[in-house]
Amino acid sequence: MERKQAASAFYTSGRGLYYFHAPSGSPELDFLTEDEGDVTIVECKATNNRATSMKYVIANPTKYGKYRAIKFSDTNIGGGDGFDTYPLYAAEFITKDQKRNVVPEVEVGKLKIPDNAALL
């Protein structure tokens, strides 16, 4: 289901969907997406698994090139190991014109509570 959710989010945002797997079968990457020549590796995991293929590609830039990478999984926002991690629901917030952030940045100081909002 995770790959279908991400595929739907990519399609509705106007991004192309690409898949990669080496002739040997490994590494195998869930998605590659391109925006104005910048390629991003995208892995989708049901749980916070290791994303072994993605980590292998990141660790071997001479062989595969250097790319931005993100992982969607059943976890919180995080980073490290050469990629960013986002919760699965964040795939719905992908926009085509965004280069660095999967989820748009929010200026918290500009947020306002609607007048008709119920107070807890």
N, C-alpha and C. Protein backbone atom coordinates (compact mmCIF):
# COMPACT_ATOMS: atom_id res chain seq x y z
N MET A 1 0.82 -1.19 0.00
CA MET A 1 0.00 0.00 0.00
C MET A 1 0.87 1.26 0.00
N GLU A 2 2.01 1.22 0.66
CA GLU A 2 2.86 2.41 0.76
C GLU A 2 3.31 2.89 -0.61
N ARG A 3 3.71 1.98 -1.48
CA ARG A 3 4.15 2.37 -2.82
C ARG A 3 2.99 2.95 -3.62
N LYS A 4 1.81 2.38 -3.47
CA LYS A 4 0.64 2.89 -4.20
C LYS A 4 0.31 4.31 -3.73
N GLN A 5 0.40 4.54 -2.42
CA GLN A 5 0.13 5.87 -1.86
C GLN A 5 1.13 6.88 -2.42
N ALA A 6 2.40 6.53 -2.42
CA ALA A 6 3.44 7.43 -2.94
C ALA A 6 3.26 7.63 -4.44
N ALA A 7 2.96 6.56 -5.18
CA ALA A 7 2.76 6.67 -6.63
C ALA A 7 1.60 7.61 -6.94
N SER A 8 0.53 7.50 -6.19
CA SER A 8 -0.61 8.38 -6.39
C SER A 8 -0.24 9.83 -6.10
N ALA A 9 0.53 10.06 -5.03
CA ALA A 9 0.96 11.42 -4.69
C ALA A 9 1.86 12.00 -5.78
N PHE A 10 2.78 11.21 -6.31
CA PHE A 10 3.65 11.68 -7.38
C PHE A 10 2.83 12.02 -8.63
N TYR A 11 1.91 11.14 -8.99
CA TYR A 11 1.11 11.34 -10.19
C TYR A 11 0.28 12.61 -10.09
N THR A 12 -0.41 12.82 -8.97
CA THR A 12 -1.27 13.99 -8.82
C THR A 12 -0.48 15.29 -8.72
N SER A 13 0.80 15.21 -8.33
CA SER A 13 1.61 16.42 -8.26
C SER A 13 2.30 16.72 -9.58
N GLY A 14 2.12 15.86 -10.58
CA GLY A 14 2.71 16.11 -11.89
C GLY A 14 4.12 15.58 -12.06
N ARG A 15 4.61 14.83 -11.11
CA ARG A 15 5.96 14.27 -11.21
C ARG A 15 5.93 12.95 -11.97
N GLY A 16 7.01 12.70 -12.71
CA GLY A 16 7.14 11.42 -13.38
C GLY A 16 7.58 10.36 -12.39
N LEU A 17 7.22 9.12 -12.66
CA LEU A 17 7.61 8.00 -11.81
C LEU A 17 8.60 7.12 -12.57
N TYR A 18 9.70 6.83 -11.96
CA TYR A 18 10.71 5.96 -12.55
C TYR A 18 11.11 4.92 -11.52
N TYR A 19 11.54 3.79 -12.00
CA TYR A 19 11.93 2.67 -11.15
C TYR A 19 13.32 2.24 -11.59
N PHE A 20 14.13 1.76 -10.64
CA PHE A 20 15.46 1.29 -11.01
C PHE A 20 15.74 -0.05 -10.35
N HIS A 21 16.28 -0.95 -11.16
CA HIS A 21 16.88 -2.14 -10.57
C HIS A 21 17.99 -2.60 -11.50
N ALA A 22 19.10 -2.95 -10.89
CA ALA A 22 20.28 -3.38 -11.63
C ALA A 22 20.00 -4.72 -12.29
N PRO A 23 20.72 -5.06 -13.37
CA PRO A 23 20.53 -6.34 -14.03
C PRO A 23 20.65 -7.53 -13.08
N SER A 24 21.46 -7.37 -12.04
CA SER A 24 21.64 -8.46 -11.07
C SER A 24 20.44 -8.54 -10.11
N GLY A 25 19.57 -7.53 -10.12
CA GLY A 25 18.42 -7.52 -9.23
C GLY A 25 18.62 -6.65 -8.01
N SER A 26 19.85 -6.28 -7.73
CA SER A 26 20.14 -5.44 -6.57
C SER A 26 21.22 -4.45 -6.96
N PRO A 27 21.09 -3.18 -6.67
CA PRO A 27 20.04 -2.57 -5.87
C PRO A 27 18.74 -2.40 -6.66
N GLU A 28 17.66 -2.30 -5.90
CA GLU A 28 16.34 -2.05 -6.46
C GLU A 28 15.74 -0.87 -5.70
N LEU A 29 15.40 0.19 -6.43
CA LEU A 29 14.87 1.40 -5.81
C LEU A 29 13.40 1.54 -6.16
N ASP A 30 12.59 1.88 -5.16
CA ASP A 30 11.14 2.00 -5.38
C ASP A 30 10.81 3.03 -6.45
N PHE A 31 11.36 4.26 -6.29
CA PHE A 31 11.08 5.32 -7.23
C PHE A 31 12.30 6.21 -7.41
N LEU A 32 12.39 6.77 -8.59
CA LEU A 32 13.27 7.90 -8.85
C LEU A 32 12.36 8.98 -9.41
N THR A 33 12.57 10.20 -9.00
CA THR A 33 11.78 11.30 -9.54
C THR A 33 12.73 12.39 -9.99
N GLU A 34 12.33 13.15 -10.98
CA GLU A 34 13.19 14.17 -11.56
C GLU A 34 12.44 15.49 -11.61
N ASP A 35 13.14 16.55 -11.23
CA ASP A 35 12.57 17.89 -11.30
C ASP A 35 13.66 18.82 -11.81
N GLU A 36 13.52 19.29 -13.05
CA GLU A 36 14.48 20.19 -13.69
C GLU A 36 15.91 19.63 -13.63
N GLY A 37 16.06 18.35 -13.90
CA GLY A 37 17.36 17.72 -13.95
C GLY A 37 17.88 17.19 -12.63
N ASP A 38 17.22 17.52 -11.53
CA ASP A 38 17.62 17.01 -10.22
C ASP A 38 16.87 15.72 -9.92
N VAL A 39 17.62 14.64 -9.71
CA VAL A 39 17.02 13.33 -9.45
C VAL A 39 16.99 13.08 -7.95
N THR A 40 15.88 12.54 -7.48
CA THR A 40 15.73 12.17 -6.08
C THR A 40 15.34 10.70 -6.00
N ILE A 41 16.02 9.96 -5.14
CA ILE A 41 15.69 8.56 -4.87
C ILE A 41 14.60 8.56 -3.80
N VAL A 42 13.56 7.76 -4.01
CA VAL A 42 12.47 7.67 -3.03
C VAL A 42 12.24 6.21 -2.69
N GLU A 43 12.30 5.91 -1.40
CA GLU A 43 11.99 4.57 -0.90
C GLU A 43 10.75 4.66 -0.02
N CYS A 44 9.90 3.66 -0.07
CA CYS A 44 8.69 3.60 0.75
C CYS A 44 8.72 2.30 1.55
N LYS A 45 8.59 2.42 2.85
CA LYS A 45 8.65 1.25 3.72
C LYS A 45 7.44 1.22 4.64
N ALA A 46 6.85 0.04 4.84
CA ALA A 46 5.70 -0.10 5.73
C ALA A 46 6.10 0.19 7.17
N THR A 47 7.28 -0.20 7.53
CA THR A 47 7.82 0.08 8.86
C THR A 47 9.12 0.83 8.67
N ASN A 48 9.76 1.20 9.72
CA ASN A 48 11.01 1.95 9.61
C ASN A 48 12.17 1.00 9.29
N ASN A 49 12.06 0.31 8.18
CA ASN A 49 13.11 -0.63 7.76
C ASN A 49 14.36 0.11 7.28
N ARG A 50 15.36 -0.63 6.94
CA ARG A 50 16.68 -0.07 6.66
C ARG A 50 16.85 0.61 5.31
N ALA A 51 16.06 0.34 4.33
CA ALA A 51 16.23 0.89 2.98
C ALA A 51 17.63 0.57 2.46
N THR A 52 17.98 -0.69 2.49
CA THR A 52 19.33 -1.17 2.17
C THR A 52 19.78 -0.75 0.77
N SER A 53 18.93 -0.91 -0.23
CA SER A 53 19.33 -0.56 -1.60
C SER A 53 19.63 0.93 -1.72
N MET A 54 18.77 1.76 -1.13
CA MET A 54 18.98 3.20 -1.19
C MET A 54 20.30 3.58 -0.51
N LYS A 55 20.56 3.01 0.64
CA LYS A 55 21.81 3.30 1.36
C LYS A 55 23.01 2.84 0.54
N TYR A 56 22.89 1.72 -0.15
CA TYR A 56 23.98 1.22 -0.98
C TYR A 56 24.29 2.18 -2.12
N VAL A 57 23.25 2.69 -2.78
CA VAL A 57 23.45 3.64 -3.88
C VAL A 57 24.08 4.92 -3.35
N ILE A 58 23.60 5.43 -2.22
CA ILE A 58 24.16 6.65 -1.62
C ILE A 58 25.62 6.46 -1.26
N ALA A 59 25.97 5.28 -0.77
CA ALA A 59 27.34 5.00 -0.34
C ALA A 59 28.30 4.78 -1.51
N ASN A 60 27.78 4.65 -2.73
CA ASN A 60 28.62 4.39 -3.90
C ASN A 60 28.39 5.44 -5.00
N PRO A 61 28.71 6.72 -4.71
CA PRO A 61 28.47 7.78 -5.69
C PRO A 61 29.32 7.64 -6.95
N THR A 62 30.47 7.02 -6.86
CA THR A 62 31.32 6.84 -8.04
C THR A 62 30.64 5.92 -9.05
N LYS A 63 29.98 4.91 -8.57
CA LYS A 63 29.31 3.95 -9.44
C LYS A 63 27.94 4.44 -9.91
N TYR A 64 27.16 5.08 -9.01
CA TYR A 64 25.77 5.44 -9.32
C TYR A 64 25.52 6.93 -9.47
N GLY A 65 26.43 7.78 -9.00
CA GLY A 65 26.21 9.22 -8.99
C GLY A 65 25.73 9.67 -7.63
N LYS A 66 25.69 10.97 -7.43
CA LYS A 66 25.28 11.52 -6.14
C LYS A 66 23.87 12.09 -6.29
N TYR A 67 22.96 11.64 -5.42
CA TYR A 67 21.56 12.04 -5.51
C TYR A 67 21.00 12.36 -4.13
N ARG A 68 20.00 13.20 -4.14
CA ARG A 68 19.22 13.43 -2.93
C ARG A 68 18.36 12.19 -2.74
N ALA A 69 18.08 11.83 -1.49
CA ALA A 69 17.26 10.64 -1.23
C ALA A 69 16.31 10.91 -0.07
N ILE A 70 15.11 10.36 -0.20
CA ILE A 70 14.13 10.45 0.88
C ILE A 70 13.49 9.08 1.07
N LYS A 71 13.04 8.86 2.30
CA LYS A 71 12.36 7.61 2.63
C LYS A 71 11.05 7.96 3.31
N PHE A 72 9.96 7.35 2.85
CA PHE A 72 8.68 7.45 3.51
C PHE A 72 8.47 6.16 4.27
N SER A 73 8.14 6.28 5.56
CA SER A 73 7.87 5.07 6.34
C SER A 73 6.96 5.41 7.51
N ASP A 74 6.62 4.41 8.25
CA ASP A 74 5.75 4.57 9.41
C ASP A 74 6.59 5.08 10.59
N THR A 75 6.99 6.35 10.49
CA THR A 75 7.88 6.94 11.49
C THR A 75 7.72 8.46 11.50
N ASN A 76 8.49 9.12 12.31
CA ASN A 76 8.49 10.58 12.37
C ASN A 76 9.48 11.15 11.35
N ILE A 77 9.49 12.48 11.24
CA ILE A 77 10.46 13.16 10.38
C ILE A 77 11.84 12.99 10.98
N GLY A 78 12.82 12.73 10.14
CA GLY A 78 14.18 12.55 10.62
C GLY A 78 15.17 12.72 9.49
N GLY A 79 16.43 12.55 9.82
CA GLY A 79 17.47 12.67 8.82
C GLY A 79 18.69 11.89 9.25
N GLY A 80 19.69 11.90 8.39
CA GLY A 80 20.92 11.18 8.67
C GLY A 80 21.15 10.11 7.64
N ASP A 81 22.32 9.54 7.65
CA ASP A 81 22.69 8.47 6.72
C ASP A 81 22.55 8.88 5.25
N GLY A 82 22.56 10.19 4.97
CA GLY A 82 22.50 10.66 3.59
C GLY A 82 21.11 10.81 3.01
N PHE A 83 20.07 10.64 3.82
CA PHE A 83 18.70 10.80 3.32
C PHE A 83 17.81 11.35 4.42
N ASP A 84 16.67 11.90 4.00
CA ASP A 84 15.66 12.41 4.93
C ASP A 84 14.54 11.39 5.03
N THR A 85 13.92 11.31 6.22
CA THR A 85 12.82 10.39 6.44
C THR A 85 11.57 11.18 6.78
N TYR A 86 10.44 10.79 6.17
CA TYR A 86 9.16 11.44 6.41
C TYR A 86 8.10 10.38 6.67
N PRO A 87 7.06 10.74 7.43
CA PRO A 87 5.95 9.80 7.62
C PRO A 87 5.24 9.54 6.29
N LEU A 88 4.60 8.39 6.18
CA LEU A 88 3.93 8.01 4.93
C LEU A 88 2.93 9.05 4.46
N TYR A 89 2.20 9.66 5.38
CA TYR A 89 1.18 10.63 4.97
C TYR A 89 1.78 11.86 4.30
N ALA A 90 3.05 12.14 4.52
CA ALA A 90 3.68 13.33 3.94
C ALA A 90 3.82 13.23 2.43
N ALA A 91 3.74 12.03 1.88
CA ALA A 91 3.82 11.87 0.42
C ALA A 91 2.71 12.64 -0.27
N GLU A 92 1.60 12.85 0.40
CA GLU A 92 0.47 13.59 -0.17
C GLU A 92 0.78 15.07 -0.35
N PHE A 93 1.82 15.57 0.31
CA PHE A 93 2.13 16.99 0.28
C PHE A 93 3.23 17.36 -0.70
N ILE A 94 3.65 16.43 -1.51
CA ILE A 94 4.69 16.69 -2.49
C ILE A 94 4.16 17.64 -3.56
N THR A 95 4.96 18.64 -3.90
CA THR A 95 4.58 19.53 -5.00
C THR A 95 5.70 19.53 -6.02
N LYS A 96 5.35 19.68 -7.28
CA LYS A 96 6.33 19.59 -8.36
C LYS A 96 7.37 20.69 -8.32
N ASP A 97 6.98 21.90 -7.93
CA ASP A 97 7.92 23.02 -7.99
C ASP A 97 8.82 23.13 -6.77
N GLN A 98 8.74 22.18 -5.89
CA GLN A 98 9.55 22.26 -4.68
C GLN A 98 10.84 21.47 -4.87
N LYS A 99 11.97 22.12 -4.68
CA LYS A 99 13.25 21.48 -4.94
C LYS A 99 13.85 20.84 -3.69
N ARG A 100 13.75 21.47 -2.57
CA ARG A 100 14.48 20.98 -1.41
C ARG A 100 13.60 20.37 -0.33
N ASN A 101 12.36 20.73 -0.29
CA ASN A 101 11.49 20.24 0.76
C ASN A 101 10.37 19.40 0.19
N VAL A 102 10.15 18.27 0.78
CA VAL A 102 9.04 17.43 0.37
C VAL A 102 7.76 18.05 0.92
N VAL A 103 7.81 18.47 2.16
CA VAL A 103 6.67 19.12 2.79
C VAL A 103 6.97 20.62 2.83
N PRO A 104 6.05 21.46 2.35
CA PRO A 104 6.31 22.90 2.34
C PRO A 104 6.60 23.43 3.75
N GLU A 105 7.53 24.36 3.83
CA GLU A 105 7.85 24.98 5.11
C GLU A 105 6.69 25.86 5.55
N VAL A 106 6.45 25.90 6.84
CA VAL A 106 5.39 26.71 7.41
C VAL A 106 6.02 27.72 8.35
N GLU A 107 5.66 29.00 8.19
CA GLU A 107 6.12 30.02 9.12
C GLU A 107 5.14 30.05 10.27
N VAL A 108 5.52 29.40 11.37
CA VAL A 108 4.64 29.23 12.50
C VAL A 108 4.18 30.58 13.06
N GLY A 109 5.05 31.58 13.04
CA GLY A 109 4.70 32.89 13.56
C GLY A 109 3.57 33.57 12.82
N LYS A 110 3.29 33.14 11.59
CA LYS A 110 2.21 33.74 10.80
C LYS A 110 0.89 32.98 10.89
N LEU A 111 0.90 31.86 11.60
CA LEU A 111 -0.34 31.10 11.76
C LEU A 111 -1.28 31.83 12.70
N LYS A 112 -2.57 31.79 12.38
CA LYS A 112 -3.58 32.44 13.21
C LYS A 112 -4.69 31.45 13.51
N ILE A 113 -5.26 31.58 14.69
CA ILE A 113 -6.38 30.75 15.07
C ILE A 113 -7.64 31.41 14.52
N PRO A 114 -8.46 30.66 13.79
CA PRO A 114 -9.71 31.24 13.27
C PRO A 114 -10.60 31.73 14.42
N ASP A 115 -11.35 32.77 14.16
CA ASP A 115 -12.24 33.35 15.18
C ASP A 115 -13.27 32.35 15.68
N ASN A 116 -13.71 31.47 14.80
CA ASN A 116 -14.76 30.51 15.18
C ASN A 116 -14.21 29.20 15.72
N ALA A 117 -12.92 29.13 16.01
CA ALA A 117 -12.30 27.91 16.52
C ALA A 117 -12.72 27.68 17.96
N ALA A 118 -13.03 26.43 18.28
CA ALA A 118 -13.41 26.08 19.65
C ALA A 118 -12.14 25.98 20.49
N LEU A 119 -12.18 26.53 21.67
CA LEU A 119 -11.05 26.44 22.59
C LEU A 119 -11.15 25.15 23.38
N LEU A 120 -10.03 24.52 23.61
CA LEU A 120 -10.02 23.27 24.37
C LEU A 120 -10.02 23.54 25.85
